[in-house]
Amino acid sequence: QAYAATTWGQGLETVLAALGQWYATGPAPDT
């Protein structure tokens, strides 16, 4: 047994991408 993102859940890829790009514009983007 395993777990997988549904089609709707896979749509969160764009959310993660946007969060990362937003973080990059901040005062301390390095991690």
Full PDB file with SEQRES, HELIX, SHEET, SSBOND, CRYST1, ORIGX, SCALE, CONECT and MASTER records, all heavy atoms in Angstrom:
SEQRES   1 A   31  GLN ALA TYR ALA ALA THR THR TRP GLY GLN GLY LEU GLU          
SEQRES   2 A   31  THR VAL LEU ALA ALA LEU GLY GLN TRP TYR ALA THR GLY          
SEQRES   3 A   31  PRO ALA PRO ASP THR                                          
HELIX    1 AA1 THR A    7  GLN A   10  1                                   4    
HELIX    2 AA2 LEU A   12  ALA A   24  1                                  13    
CRYST1    1.000    1.000    1.000  90.00  90.00  90.00 P 1           1          
ORIGX1      1.000000  0.000000  0.000000        0.00000                         
ORIGX2      0.000000  1.000000  0.000000        0.00000                         
ORIGX3      0.000000  0.000000  1.000000        0.00000                         
SCALE1      1.000000  0.000000  0.000000        0.00000                         
SCALE2      0.000000  1.000000  0.000000        0.00000                         
SCALE3      0.000000  0.000000  1.000000        0.00000                         
ATOM      1  N   GLN A   1       0.837  -1.197   0.000  1.00  0.00           N  
ATOM      2  CA  GLN A   1       0.000   0.000   0.000  1.00  0.00           C  
ATOM      3  C   GLN A   1       0.878   1.255   0.000  1.00  0.00           C  
ATOM      4  O   GLN A   1       1.941   1.278   0.598  1.00  0.00           O  
ATOM      5  CB  GLN A   1      -0.916   0.014   1.224  1.00  0.00           C  
ATOM      6  CG  GLN A   1      -1.934  -1.115   1.255  1.00  0.00           C  
ATOM      7  CD  GLN A   1      -2.926  -1.024   0.107  1.00  0.00           C  
ATOM      8  OE1 GLN A   1      -3.528   0.025  -0.115  1.00  0.00           O  
ATOM      9  NE2 GLN A   1      -3.081  -2.110  -0.625  1.00  0.00           N  
ATOM     10  N   ALA A   2       0.411   2.260  -0.687  1.00  0.00           N  
ATOM     11  CA  ALA A   2       1.142   3.528  -0.756  1.00  0.00           C  
ATOM     12  C   ALA A   2       0.133   4.661  -0.855  1.00  0.00           C  
ATOM     13  O   ALA A   2      -1.086   4.446  -0.861  1.00  0.00           O  
ATOM     14  CB  ALA A   2       2.090   3.534  -1.954  1.00  0.00           C  
ATOM     15  N   TYR A   3       0.662   5.879  -0.945  1.00  0.00           N  
ATOM     16  CA  TYR A   3      -0.175   7.068  -1.046  1.00  0.00           C  
ATOM     17  C   TYR A   3       0.230   7.846  -2.296  1.00  0.00           C  
ATOM     18  O   TYR A   3       1.404   7.876  -2.671  1.00  0.00           O  
ATOM     19  CB  TYR A   3      -0.017   7.947   0.190  1.00  0.00           C  
ATOM     20  CG  TYR A   3      -0.448   7.265   1.463  1.00  0.00           C  
ATOM     21  CD1 TYR A   3       0.447   6.499   2.209  1.00  0.00           C  
ATOM     22  CD2 TYR A   3      -1.765   7.369   1.921  1.00  0.00           C  
ATOM     23  CE1 TYR A   3       0.050   5.860   3.378  1.00  0.00           C  
ATOM     24  CE2 TYR A   3      -2.169   6.737   3.085  1.00  0.00           C  
ATOM     25  CZ  TYR A   3      -1.257   5.981   3.805  1.00  0.00           C  
ATOM     26  OH  TYR A   3      -1.661   5.349   4.948  1.00  0.00           O  
ATOM     27  N   ALA A   4      -0.750   8.475  -2.926  1.00  0.00           N  
ATOM     28  CA  ALA A   4      -0.479   9.263  -4.125  1.00  0.00           C  
ATOM     29  C   ALA A   4      -1.373  10.496  -4.126  1.00  0.00           C  
ATOM     30  O   ALA A   4      -2.468  10.486  -3.554  1.00  0.00           O  
ATOM     31  CB  ALA A   4      -0.726   8.430  -5.384  1.00  0.00           C  
ATOM     32  N   ALA A   5      -0.900  11.542  -4.774  1.00  0.00           N  
ATOM     33  CA  ALA A   5      -1.728  12.736  -4.931  1.00  0.00           C  
ATOM     34  C   ALA A   5      -2.802  12.464  -5.978  1.00  0.00           C  
ATOM     35  O   ALA A   5      -2.545  11.833  -7.000  1.00  0.00           O  
ATOM     36  CB  ALA A   5      -0.868  13.923  -5.354  1.00  0.00           C  
ATOM     37  N   THR A   6      -4.012  12.913  -5.705  1.00  0.00           N  
ATOM     38  CA  THR A   6      -5.070  12.839  -6.699  1.00  0.00           C  
ATOM     39  C   THR A   6      -4.795  13.871  -7.796  1.00  0.00           C  
ATOM     40  O   THR A   6      -3.876  14.690  -7.681  1.00  0.00           O  
ATOM     41  CB  THR A   6      -6.436  13.127  -6.063  1.00  0.00           C  
ATOM     42  OG1 THR A   6      -6.430  14.467  -5.536  1.00  0.00           O  
ATOM     43  CG2 THR A   6      -6.724  12.141  -4.926  1.00  0.00           C  
ATOM     44  N   THR A   7      -5.597  13.819  -8.849  1.00  0.00           N  
ATOM     45  CA  THR A   7      -5.438  14.825  -9.904  1.00  0.00           C  
ATOM     46  C   THR A   7      -5.575  16.231  -9.338  1.00  0.00           C  
ATOM     47  O   THR A   7      -4.816  17.144  -9.685  1.00  0.00           O  
ATOM     48  CB  THR A   7      -6.475  14.595 -11.018  1.00  0.00           C  
ATOM     49  OG1 THR A   7      -6.291  13.277 -11.558  1.00  0.00           O  
ATOM     50  CG2 THR A   7      -6.314  15.620 -12.131  1.00  0.00           C  
ATOM     51  N   TRP A   8      -6.539  16.404  -8.455  1.00  0.00           N  
ATOM     52  CA  TRP A   8      -6.719  17.705  -7.810  1.00  0.00           C  
ATOM     53  C   TRP A   8      -5.516  18.045  -6.938  1.00  0.00           C  
ATOM     54  O   TRP A   8      -5.021  19.176  -6.938  1.00  0.00           O  
ATOM     55  CB  TRP A   8      -7.999  17.695  -6.965  1.00  0.00           C  
ATOM     56  CG  TRP A   8      -8.388  19.033  -6.419  1.00  0.00           C  
ATOM     57  CD1 TRP A   8      -8.388  20.226  -7.073  1.00  0.00           C  
ATOM     58  CD2 TRP A   8      -8.841  19.309  -5.089  1.00  0.00           C  
ATOM     59  NE1 TRP A   8      -8.816  21.237  -6.230  1.00  0.00           N  
ATOM     60  CE2 TRP A   8      -9.104  20.700  -5.012  1.00  0.00           C  
ATOM     61  CE3 TRP A   8      -9.067  18.514  -3.963  1.00  0.00           C  
ATOM     62  CZ2 TRP A   8      -9.565  21.313  -3.853  1.00  0.00           C  
ATOM     63  CZ3 TRP A   8      -9.535  19.123  -2.805  1.00  0.00           C  
ATOM     64  CH2 TRP A   8      -9.784  20.503  -2.758  1.00  0.00           C  
ATOM     65  N   GLY A   9      -5.004  17.062  -6.217  1.00  0.00           N  
ATOM     66  CA  GLY A   9      -3.839  17.292  -5.364  1.00  0.00           C  
ATOM     67  C   GLY A   9      -2.597  17.664  -6.155  1.00  0.00           C  
ATOM     68  O   GLY A   9      -1.784  18.482  -5.710  1.00  0.00           O  
ATOM     69  N   GLN A  10      -2.462  17.100  -7.364  1.00  0.00           N  
ATOM     70  CA  GLN A  10      -1.305  17.422  -8.185  1.00  0.00           C  
ATOM     71  C   GLN A  10      -1.297  18.887  -8.598  1.00  0.00           C  
ATOM     72  O   GLN A  10      -0.250  19.454  -8.899  1.00  0.00           O  
ATOM     73  CB  GLN A  10      -1.292  16.532  -9.429  1.00  0.00           C  
ATOM     74  CG  GLN A  10      -0.969  15.083  -9.124  1.00  0.00           C  
ATOM     75  CD  GLN A  10      -1.170  14.177 -10.317  1.00  0.00           C  
ATOM     76  OE1 GLN A  10      -1.712  14.588 -11.351  1.00  0.00           O  
ATOM     77  NE2 GLN A  10      -0.748  12.930 -10.191  1.00  0.00           N  
ATOM     78  N   GLY A  11      -2.473  19.511  -8.567  1.00  0.00           N  
ATOM     79  CA  GLY A  11      -2.545  20.933  -8.887  1.00  0.00           C  
ATOM     80  C   GLY A  11      -1.813  21.813  -7.892  1.00  0.00           C  
ATOM     81  O   GLY A  11      -1.541  22.979  -8.173  1.00  0.00           O  
ATOM     82  N   LEU A  12      -1.475  21.254  -6.743  1.00  0.00           N  
ATOM     83  CA  LEU A  12      -0.732  22.031  -5.745  1.00  0.00           C  
ATOM     84  C   LEU A  12       0.730  22.248  -6.156  1.00  0.00           C  
ATOM     85  O   LEU A  12       1.443  23.011  -5.508  1.00  0.00           O  
ATOM     86  CB  LEU A  12      -0.786  21.342  -4.386  1.00  0.00           C  
ATOM     87  CG  LEU A  12      -2.140  21.455  -3.668  1.00  0.00           C  
ATOM     88  CD1 LEU A  12      -2.212  20.491  -2.497  1.00  0.00           C  
ATOM     89  CD2 LEU A  12      -2.371  22.890  -3.196  1.00  0.00           C  
ATOM     90  N   GLU A  13       1.173  21.614  -7.238  1.00  0.00           N  
ATOM     91  CA  GLU A  13       2.532  21.882  -7.724  1.00  0.00           C  
ATOM     92  C   GLU A  13       2.702  23.357  -8.056  1.00  0.00           C  
ATOM     93  O   GLU A  13       3.737  23.964  -7.750  1.00  0.00           O  
ATOM     94  CB  GLU A  13       2.849  21.024  -8.951  1.00  0.00           C  
ATOM     95  CG  GLU A  13       4.240  21.294  -9.510  1.00  0.00           C  
ATOM     96  CD  GLU A  13       4.609  20.399 -10.680  1.00  0.00           C  
ATOM     97  OE1 GLU A  13       3.858  19.459 -10.998  1.00  0.00           O  
ATOM     98  OE2 GLU A  13       5.673  20.655 -11.289  1.00  0.00           O  
ATOM     99  N   THR A  14       1.701  23.959  -8.669  1.00  0.00           N  
ATOM    100  CA  THR A  14       1.810  25.375  -9.013  1.00  0.00           C  
ATOM    101  C   THR A  14       1.806  26.249  -7.764  1.00  0.00           C  
ATOM    102  O   THR A  14       2.406  27.326  -7.751  1.00  0.00           O  
ATOM    103  CB  THR A  14       0.659  25.799  -9.940  1.00  0.00           C  
ATOM    104  OG1 THR A  14      -0.596  25.518  -9.295  1.00  0.00           O  
ATOM    105  CG2 THR A  14       0.717  25.048 -11.255  1.00  0.00           C  
ATOM    106  N   VAL A  15       1.133  25.786  -6.718  1.00  0.00           N  
ATOM    107  CA  VAL A  15       1.131  26.524  -5.452  1.00  0.00           C  
ATOM    108  C   VAL A  15       2.522  26.501  -4.834  1.00  0.00           C  
ATOM    109  O   VAL A  15       3.042  27.528  -4.374  1.00  0.00           O  
ATOM    110  CB  VAL A  15       0.099  25.927  -4.481  1.00  0.00           C  
ATOM    111  CG1 VAL A  15       0.174  26.616  -3.121  1.00  0.00           C  
ATOM    112  CG2 VAL A  15      -1.306  26.044  -5.069  1.00  0.00           C  
ATOM    113  N   LEU A  16       3.154  25.328  -4.820  1.00  0.00           N  
ATOM    114  CA  LEU A  16       4.509  25.215  -4.285  1.00  0.00           C  
ATOM    115  C   LEU A  16       5.484  26.059  -5.093  1.00  0.00           C  
ATOM    116  O   LEU A  16       6.362  26.727  -4.532  1.00  0.00           O  
ATOM    117  CB  LEU A  16       4.951  23.751  -4.296  1.00  0.00           C  
ATOM    118  CG  LEU A  16       4.282  22.842  -3.264  1.00  0.00           C  
ATOM    119  CD1 LEU A  16       4.539  21.382  -3.594  1.00  0.00           C  
ATOM    120  CD2 LEU A  16       4.785  23.165  -1.860  1.00  0.00           C  
ATOM    121  N   ALA A  17       5.321  26.045  -6.407  1.00  0.00           N  
ATOM    122  CA  ALA A  17       6.195  26.851  -7.263  1.00  0.00           C  
ATOM    123  C   ALA A  17       6.029  28.334  -6.949  1.00  0.00           C  
ATOM    124  O   ALA A  17       7.018  29.073  -6.828  1.00  0.00           O  
ATOM    125  CB  ALA A  17       5.886  26.575  -8.733  1.00  0.00           C  
ATOM    126  N   ALA A  18       4.786  28.775  -6.805  1.00  0.00           N  
ATOM    127  CA  ALA A  18       4.538  30.191  -6.518  1.00  0.00           C  
ATOM    128  C   ALA A  18       5.085  30.579  -5.149  1.00  0.00           C  
ATOM    129  O   ALA A  18       5.636  31.674  -4.978  1.00  0.00           O  
ATOM    130  CB  ALA A  18       3.039  30.481  -6.591  1.00  0.00           C  
ATOM    131  N   LEU A  19       4.951  29.700  -4.162  1.00  0.00           N  
ATOM    132  CA  LEU A  19       5.488  29.983  -2.832  1.00  0.00           C  
ATOM    133  C   LEU A  19       7.006  30.150  -2.881  1.00  0.00           C  
ATOM    134  O   LEU A  19       7.565  31.061  -2.271  1.00  0.00           O  
ATOM    135  CB  LEU A  19       5.117  28.866  -1.860  1.00  0.00           C  
ATOM    136  CG  LEU A  19       3.713  28.897  -1.271  1.00  0.00           C  
ATOM    137  CD1 LEU A  19       3.451  27.606  -0.492  1.00  0.00           C  
ATOM    138  CD2 LEU A  19       3.524  30.116  -0.376  1.00  0.00           C  
ATOM    139  N   GLY A  20       7.655  29.257  -3.611  1.00  0.00           N  
ATOM    140  CA  GLY A  20       9.110  29.346  -3.710  1.00  0.00           C  
ATOM    141  C   GLY A  20       9.561  30.600  -4.416  1.00  0.00           C  
ATOM    142  O   GLY A  20      10.518  31.267  -4.002  1.00  0.00           O  
ATOM    143  N   GLN A  21       8.878  30.953  -5.502  1.00  0.00           N  
ATOM    144  CA  GLN A  21       9.246  32.168  -6.239  1.00  0.00           C  
ATOM    145  C   GLN A  21       8.975  33.415  -5.401  1.00  0.00           C  
ATOM    146  O   GLN A  21       9.734  34.387  -5.467  1.00  0.00           O  
ATOM    147  CB  GLN A  21       8.477  32.198  -7.561  1.00  0.00           C  
ATOM    148  CG  GLN A  21       8.964  31.123  -8.519  1.00  0.00           C  
ATOM    149  CD  GLN A  21       8.076  30.988  -9.744  1.00  0.00           C  
ATOM    150  OE1 GLN A  21       6.866  31.213  -9.675  1.00  0.00           O  
ATOM    151  NE2 GLN A  21       8.664  30.613 -10.862  1.00  0.00           N  
ATOM    152  N   TRP A  22       7.906  33.381  -4.621  1.00  0.00           N  
ATOM    153  CA  TRP A  22       7.628  34.504  -3.717  1.00  0.00           C  
ATOM    154  C   TRP A  22       8.720  34.619  -2.662  1.00  0.00           C  
ATOM    155  O   TRP A  22       9.216  35.712  -2.369  1.00  0.00           O  
ATOM    156  CB  TRP A  22       6.265  34.296  -3.045  1.00  0.00           C  
ATOM    157  CG  TRP A  22       6.011  35.243  -1.914  1.00  0.00           C  
ATOM    158  CD1 TRP A  22       5.638  36.549  -1.987  1.00  0.00           C  
ATOM    159  CD2 TRP A  22       6.132  34.948  -0.511  1.00  0.00           C  
ATOM    160  NE1 TRP A  22       5.521  37.102  -0.725  1.00  0.00           N  
ATOM    161  CE2 TRP A  22       5.820  36.135   0.200  1.00  0.00           C  
ATOM    162  CE3 TRP A  22       6.459  33.802   0.208  1.00  0.00           C  
ATOM    163  CZ2 TRP A  22       5.839  36.193   1.599  1.00  0.00           C  
ATOM    164  CZ3 TRP A  22       6.476  33.856   1.596  1.00  0.00           C  
ATOM    165  CH2 TRP A  22       6.169  35.052   2.275  1.00  0.00           C  
ATOM    166  N   TYR A  23       9.130  33.479  -2.087  1.00  0.00           N  
ATOM    167  CA  TYR A  23      10.160  33.500  -1.052  1.00  0.00           C  
ATOM    168  C   TYR A  23      11.470  34.066  -1.601  1.00  0.00           C  
ATOM    169  O   TYR A  23      12.207  34.756  -0.897  1.00  0.00           O  
ATOM    170  CB  TYR A  23      10.383  32.082  -0.519  1.00  0.00           C  
ATOM    171  CG  TYR A  23      11.359  31.992   0.631  1.00  0.00           C  
ATOM    172  CD1 TYR A  23      10.945  32.219   1.933  1.00  0.00           C  
ATOM    173  CD2 TYR A  23      12.702  31.680   0.415  1.00  0.00           C  
ATOM    174  CE1 TYR A  23      11.833  32.134   2.998  1.00  0.00           C  
ATOM    175  CE2 TYR A  23      13.593  31.602   1.461  1.00  0.00           C  
ATOM    176  CZ  TYR A  23      13.155  31.824   2.748  1.00  0.00           C  
ATOM    177  OH  TYR A  23      14.035  31.746   3.791  1.00  0.00           O  
ATOM    178  N   ALA A  24      11.732  33.798  -2.879  1.00  0.00           N  
ATOM    179  CA  ALA A  24      12.984  34.254  -3.490  1.00  0.00           C  
ATOM    180  C   ALA A  24      13.075  35.768  -3.585  1.00  0.00           C  
ATOM    181  O   ALA A  24      14.167  36.317  -3.721  1.00  0.00           O  
ATOM    182  CB  ALA A  24      13.140  33.636  -4.881  1.00  0.00           C  
ATOM    183  N   THR A  25      11.942  36.446  -3.521  1.00  0.00           N  
ATOM    184  CA  THR A  25      11.960  37.906  -3.615  1.00  0.00           C  
ATOM    185  C   THR A  25      12.119  38.565  -2.247  1.00  0.00           C  
ATOM    186  O   THR A  25      12.163  39.786  -2.158  1.00  0.00           O  
ATOM    187  CB  THR A  25      10.652  38.421  -4.255  1.00  0.00           C  
ATOM    188  OG1 THR A  25       9.541  38.120  -3.390  1.00  0.00           O  
ATOM    189  CG2 THR A  25      10.419  37.773  -5.613  1.00  0.00           C  
ATOM    190  N   GLY A  26      12.198  37.750  -1.192  1.00  0.00           N  
ATOM    191  CA  GLY A  26      12.282  38.295   0.155  1.00  0.00           C  
ATOM    192  C   GLY A  26      13.673  38.770   0.516  1.00  0.00           C  
ATOM    193  O   GLY A  26      14.621  38.679  -0.280  1.00  0.00           O  
ATOM    194  N   PRO A  27      13.837  39.245   1.735  1.00  0.00           N  
ATOM    195  CA  PRO A  27      15.112  39.822   2.152  1.00  0.00           C  
ATOM    196  C   PRO A  27      16.227  38.804   2.349  1.00  0.00           C  
ATOM    197  O   PRO A  27      17.395  39.173   2.321  1.00  0.00           O  
ATOM    198  CB  PRO A  27      14.764  40.514   3.481  1.00  0.00           C  
ATOM    199  CG  PRO A  27      13.574  39.765   3.991  1.00  0.00           C  
ATOM    200  CD  PRO A  27      12.791  39.379   2.780  1.00  0.00           C  
ATOM    201  N   ALA A  28      15.890  37.533   2.568  1.00  0.00           N  
ATOM    202  CA  ALA A  28      16.916  36.507   2.790  1.00  0.00           C  
ATOM    203  C   ALA A  28      16.525  35.233   2.059  1.00  0.00           C  
ATOM    204  O   ALA A  28      16.070  34.262   2.659  1.00  0.00           O  
ATOM    205  CB  ALA A  28      17.083  36.239   4.290  1.00  0.00           C  
ATOM    206  N   PRO A  29      16.681  35.208   0.729  1.00  0.00           N  
ATOM    207  CA  PRO A  29      16.194  34.071  -0.060  1.00  0.00           C  
ATOM    208  C   PRO A  29      17.031  32.812   0.051  1.00  0.00           C  
ATOM    209  O   PRO A  29      16.578  31.740  -0.312  1.00  0.00           O  
ATOM    210  CB  PRO A  29      16.215  34.612  -1.492  1.00  0.00           C  
ATOM    211  CG  PRO A  29      17.301  35.636  -1.479  1.00  0.00           C  
ATOM    212  CD  PRO A  29      17.235  36.273  -0.116  1.00  0.00           C  
ATOM    213  N   ASP A  30      18.281  32.935   0.522  1.00  0.00           N  
ATOM    214  CA  ASP A  30      19.135  31.747   0.611  1.00  0.00           C  
ATOM    215  C   ASP A  30      18.638  30.810   1.701  1.00  0.00           C  
ATOM    216  O   ASP A  30      18.090  31.229   2.718  1.00  0.00           O  
ATOM    217  CB  ASP A  30      20.581  32.141   0.890  1.00  0.00           C  
ATOM    218  CG  ASP A  30      21.210  32.864  -0.286  1.00  0.00           C  
ATOM    219  OD1 ASP A  30      20.747  32.639  -1.418  1.00  0.00           O  
ATOM    220  OD2 ASP A  30      22.143  33.645  -0.061  1.00  0.00           O  
ATOM    221  N   THR A  31      18.816  29.521   1.482  1.00  0.00           N  
ATOM    222  CA  THR A  31      18.379  28.522   2.440  1.00  0.00           C  
ATOM    223  C   THR A  31      19.501  27.528   2.677  1.00  0.00           C  
ATOM    224  O   THR A  31      20.510  27.512   1.980  1.00  0.00           O  
ATOM    225  CB  THR A  31      17.137  27.762   1.931  1.00  0.00           C  
ATOM    226  OG1 THR A  31      17.500  27.037   0.757  1.00  0.00           O  
ATOM    227  CG2 THR A  31      16.000  28.710   1.609  1.00  0.00           C  
TER     228      THR A  31                                                      
MASTER        0    0    0    2    0    0    0    6  227    1    0    3          
END                                                                             
